Amino acid sequence: MSVLVPPPSTPAPLESRRAIRWAALSGALVPPVVLALAVLMSDPDWETPGLVLGLVLACAAPVPLLLLRPGKLIPFGVLLLTIGVLIFGNVGFTDLVLQHRGQQVEVRVASVRTAYARNGNPTFTCVLERVDGVPLAHSGTDDCTGTDEVGRTEQVLIDPAGWVAPQSAGDDLGDGAPAMVAALTALLLAELLVWLAHRLAVQARRHPGPWASASAFGSSH
């Protein structure tokens, strides 16, 4: 006696309108939060925590979208765009701050800190101080070749508010505006993909069938 085994069925889309709304809202909130973390990263004291948390959120951004079953390309696109928001947002904000309110001052290397990597190679950190004696925020710089740097003077751009670390006055800050435009564009595109995933989920709920398992942007299998 043979037993008929029904073919595997495609998982149904989210049935609850509230669940669809919350999944889309969760996905939509991630890119703006990542942009805020990109701004936070411009402060050297928060650079590492901001980078780690930003990357974690960027990798988590596709998760709520997967619940909407929009296919593979939309969540992957949101992941890449959110990482772009983090990278370009940080570069753009840092350069724009120094462009608009940076002040050029003369600094000298007051001391050099030496640390050793596991392989025994030394790394140097130059501690800067302003020649005029005014305290300097974020005085440590990795642009240092050794202890013979002590006493060297140079011109740097500083942020009077002390948020952004000093940069050499000769650095090109022309990438600030294009980088910020790229970050905002990536954010808007990520939000557009989230909206599209939401629309596909709504369509799948109203008209079960092909919408539930595939879309023009790729199959969920």
Protein backbone atom coordinates (compact mmCIF):
# COMPACT_ATOMS: atom_id res chain seq x y z
CA MET A 1 0.00 0.00 0.00
CA SER A 2 1.58 3.23 -1.13
CA VAL A 3 1.42 6.38 0.90
CA LEU A 4 1.09 9.66 -0.89
CA VAL A 5 3.48 12.27 0.47
CA PRO A 6 2.38 15.82 -0.24
CA PRO A 7 5.01 18.05 -1.85
CA PRO A 8 6.75 20.46 0.50
CA SER A 9 4.86 23.67 0.68
CA THR A 10 6.38 27.11 0.52
CA PRO A 11 6.46 28.75 3.95
CA ALA A 12 3.65 31.20 4.25
CA PRO A 13 4.45 34.88 4.60
CA LEU A 14 3.82 36.70 7.81
CA GLU A 15 0.07 36.59 8.39
CA SER A 16 -0.22 39.34 10.96
CA ARG A 17 -0.37 42.89 9.66
CA ARG A 18 1.23 44.02 12.90
CA ALA A 19 4.12 41.57 12.47
CA ILE A 20 4.74 42.86 8.95
CA ARG A 21 4.69 46.45 10.17
CA TRP A 22 7.09 45.78 13.04
CA ALA A 23 9.51 43.82 10.85
CA ALA A 24 9.61 46.66 8.33
CA LEU A 25 9.95 49.29 11.07
CA SER A 26 12.85 47.40 12.63
CA GLY A 27 14.62 47.25 9.27
CA ALA A 28 13.96 50.94 8.60
CA LEU A 29 15.42 52.08 11.94
CA VAL A 30 18.83 50.47 11.45
CA PRO A 31 20.36 52.75 8.73
CA PRO A 32 19.68 56.04 10.62
CA VAL A 33 21.10 54.54 13.82
CA VAL A 34 24.19 53.42 11.90
CA LEU A 35 24.60 56.96 10.53
CA ALA A 36 24.50 58.28 14.10
CA LEU A 37 27.20 55.76 15.04
CA ALA A 38 29.28 56.95 12.07
CA VAL A 39 29.15 60.46 13.55
CA LEU A 40 30.05 59.07 17.00
CA MET A 41 33.07 57.32 15.49
CA SER A 42 34.59 60.67 14.52
CA ASP A 43 35.48 61.09 18.21
CA PRO A 44 38.59 58.91 18.71
CA ASP A 45 37.40 57.97 22.20
CA TRP A 46 34.35 56.31 20.64
CA GLU A 47 35.85 55.13 17.36
CA THR A 48 36.28 51.45 18.26
CA PRO A 49 32.96 50.97 20.14
CA GLY A 50 31.12 52.86 17.39
CA LEU A 51 32.72 50.78 14.65
CA VAL A 52 31.98 47.46 16.37
CA LEU A 53 28.38 48.37 17.17
CA GLY A 54 27.87 49.83 13.69
CA LEU A 55 29.08 46.65 11.99
CA VAL A 56 26.94 44.49 14.28
CA LEU A 57 23.85 46.54 13.45
CA ALA A 58 24.70 46.53 9.73
CA CYS A 59 24.94 42.73 9.77
CA ALA A 60 21.67 42.54 11.73
CA ALA A 61 19.83 44.88 9.34
CA PRO A 62 18.71 42.10 6.94
CA VAL A 63 17.31 39.91 9.74
CA PRO A 64 13.86 41.53 10.08
CA LEU A 65 13.62 41.72 6.29
CA LEU A 66 14.15 37.97 6.01
CA LEU A 67 10.94 37.56 8.01
CA LEU A 68 9.14 39.42 5.21
CA ARG A 69 10.52 36.94 2.63
CA PRO A 70 11.30 39.46 -0.12
CA GLY A 71 13.95 37.27 -1.74
CA LYS A 72 17.71 37.23 -1.28
CA LEU A 73 18.82 40.39 -3.06
CA ILE A 74 16.88 42.93 -0.99
CA PRO A 75 18.35 41.90 2.40
CA PHE A 76 21.82 41.65 0.84
CA GLY A 77 21.42 45.09 -0.70
CA VAL A 78 20.37 46.57 2.64
CA LEU A 79 23.45 45.01 4.27
CA LEU A 80 25.86 46.55 1.75
CA LEU A 81 24.13 49.93 1.79
CA THR A 82 24.15 50.08 5.59
CA ILE A 83 27.88 49.36 5.68
CA GLY A 84 28.28 52.17 3.14
CA VAL A 85 26.36 54.50 5.46
CA LEU A 86 28.80 53.68 8.27
CA ILE A 87 31.98 54.16 6.23
CA PHE A 88 31.05 57.19 4.14
CA GLY A 89 29.19 58.84 7.03
CA ASN A 90 32.28 58.75 9.23
CA VAL A 91 34.63 60.09 6.55
CA GLY A 92 32.17 62.76 5.45
CA PHE A 93 31.36 64.07 8.92
CA THR A 94 35.00 64.20 10.04
CA ASP A 95 36.14 66.12 6.96
CA LEU A 96 33.16 68.49 6.99
CA VAL A 97 33.72 69.41 10.65
CA LEU A 98 37.33 70.38 9.97
CA GLN A 99 36.36 72.18 6.76
CA HIS A 100 33.75 74.38 8.41
CA ARG A 101 35.13 75.04 11.90
CA GLY A 102 38.70 73.75 11.84
CA GLN A 103 41.43 76.09 13.11
CA GLN A 104 45.04 75.87 12.00
CA VAL A 105 47.50 75.87 14.91
CA GLU A 106 51.14 74.98 15.43
CA VAL A 107 51.92 71.92 17.53
CA ARG A 108 55.06 70.16 18.65
CA VAL A 109 55.76 66.55 19.54
CA ALA A 110 56.05 66.60 23.32
CA SER A 111 56.78 62.91 23.83
CA VAL A 112 56.65 59.54 22.11
CA ARG A 113 54.99 56.45 23.58
CA THR A 114 56.37 53.08 22.49
CA ALA A 115 54.46 49.80 22.47
CA TYR A 116 55.46 46.40 21.17
CA ALA A 117 53.36 44.03 19.07
CA ARG A 118 53.34 40.27 19.65
CA ASN A 119 55.98 39.85 16.97
CA GLY A 120 58.24 42.26 18.83
CA ASN A 121 57.96 45.14 16.36
CA PRO A 122 57.63 48.54 18.06
CA THR A 123 54.80 50.96 17.35
CA PHE A 124 55.06 54.64 18.20
CA THR A 125 52.48 57.20 19.26
CA CYS A 126 53.44 60.86 19.19
CA VAL A 127 51.87 63.03 21.90
CA LEU A 128 51.25 66.52 20.57
CA GLU A 129 50.93 69.83 22.40
CA ARG A 130 50.08 73.27 21.14
CA VAL A 131 53.00 75.69 20.96
CA ASP A 132 50.86 78.42 22.54
CA GLY A 133 50.21 76.23 25.60
CA VAL A 134 46.46 75.80 25.09
CA PRO A 135 45.31 72.24 25.97
CA LEU A 136 44.85 69.99 22.93
CA ALA A 137 42.10 67.37 22.77
CA HIS A 138 43.02 63.95 21.33
CA SER A 139 46.73 64.75 21.40
CA GLY A 140 47.91 61.25 20.50
CA THR A 141 48.67 60.48 16.85
CA ASP A 142 49.84 57.28 15.16
CA ASP A 143 51.62 59.30 12.46
CA CYS A 144 54.94 58.80 14.24
CA THR A 145 58.19 57.17 13.16
CA GLY A 146 60.15 57.02 16.42
CA THR A 147 61.56 58.78 19.45
CA ASP A 148 63.54 61.14 17.26
CA GLU A 149 60.24 62.92 16.51
CA VAL A 150 60.33 64.73 19.89
CA GLY A 151 60.54 68.47 19.36
CA ARG A 152 59.30 68.40 15.77
CA THR A 153 56.71 71.08 14.98
CA GLU A 154 53.97 71.11 12.36
CA GLN A 155 50.73 72.84 11.41
CA VAL A 156 47.52 70.94 12.12
CA LEU A 157 43.80 71.56 11.85
CA ILE A 158 41.94 71.19 15.14
CA ASP A 159 38.28 71.08 16.06
CA PRO A 160 37.71 73.85 18.66
CA ALA A 161 34.94 71.75 20.21
CA GLY A 162 37.40 68.90 20.72
CA TRP A 163 35.23 66.29 18.99
CA VAL A 164 37.34 65.43 15.93
CA ALA A 165 41.00 64.54 16.25
CA PRO A 166 43.61 66.94 14.81
CA GLN A 167 44.72 66.37 11.24
CA SER A 168 47.70 67.65 9.33
CA ALA A 169 47.00 71.01 7.72
CA GLY A 170 48.18 69.52 4.43
CA ASP A 171 45.53 66.77 4.35
CA ASP A 172 42.97 66.93 1.56
CA LEU A 173 39.50 67.43 3.07
CA GLY A 174 37.75 67.71 -0.28
CA ASP A 175 36.15 64.29 0.11
CA GLY A 176 33.90 65.45 2.94
CA ALA A 177 30.88 66.61 0.94
CA PRO A 178 30.94 63.74 -1.64
CA ALA A 179 31.32 61.19 1.16
CA MET A 180 28.37 62.61 3.08
CA VAL A 181 26.26 62.68 -0.09
CA ALA A 182 27.20 59.03 -0.67
CA ALA A 183 26.22 58.16 2.93
CA LEU A 184 22.83 59.88 2.64
CA THR A 185 22.21 58.29 -0.76
CA ALA A 186 23.00 54.85 0.64
CA LEU A 187 20.64 55.52 3.56
CA LEU A 188 17.78 56.53 1.24
CA LEU A 189 18.33 53.50 -0.99
CA ALA A 190 18.35 51.20 2.05
CA GLU A 191 15.06 52.74 3.22
CA LEU A 192 13.64 52.26 -0.28
CA LEU A 193 14.53 48.57 -0.22
CA VAL A 194 12.92 48.20 3.21
CA TRP A 195 9.76 49.84 1.87
CA LEU A 196 9.83 47.50 -1.13
CA ALA A 197 10.18 44.46 1.15
CA HIS A 198 7.20 45.70 3.14
CA ARG A 199 5.12 46.12 -0.02
CA LEU A 200 5.98 42.60 -1.18
CA ALA A 201 4.98 41.19 2.21
CA VAL A 202 1.67 43.06 2.09
CA GLN A 203 1.03 41.76 -1.42
CA ALA A 204 1.86 38.20 -0.29
CA ARG A 205 -0.63 38.49 2.57
CA ARG A 206 -3.40 39.79 0.35
CA HIS A 207 -2.76 37.51 -2.61
CA PRO A 208 -1.08 34.26 -1.50
CA GLY A 209 0.75 32.55 -4.33
CA PRO A 210 3.88 33.51 -6.21
CA TRP A 211 4.31 36.61 -4.04
CA ALA A 212 4.84 34.40 -1.03
CA SER A 213 7.92 32.62 -2.33
CA ALA A 214 9.55 34.77 -4.98
CA SER A 215 9.78 38.23 -6.39
CA ALA A 216 11.41 40.02 -9.27
CA PHE A 217 14.45 40.47 -7.00
CA GLY A 218 15.22 36.82 -6.41
CA SER A 219 13.77 33.72 -4.87
CA SER A 220 13.85 33.11 -1.15
CA HIS A 221 15.02 29.52 -1.75
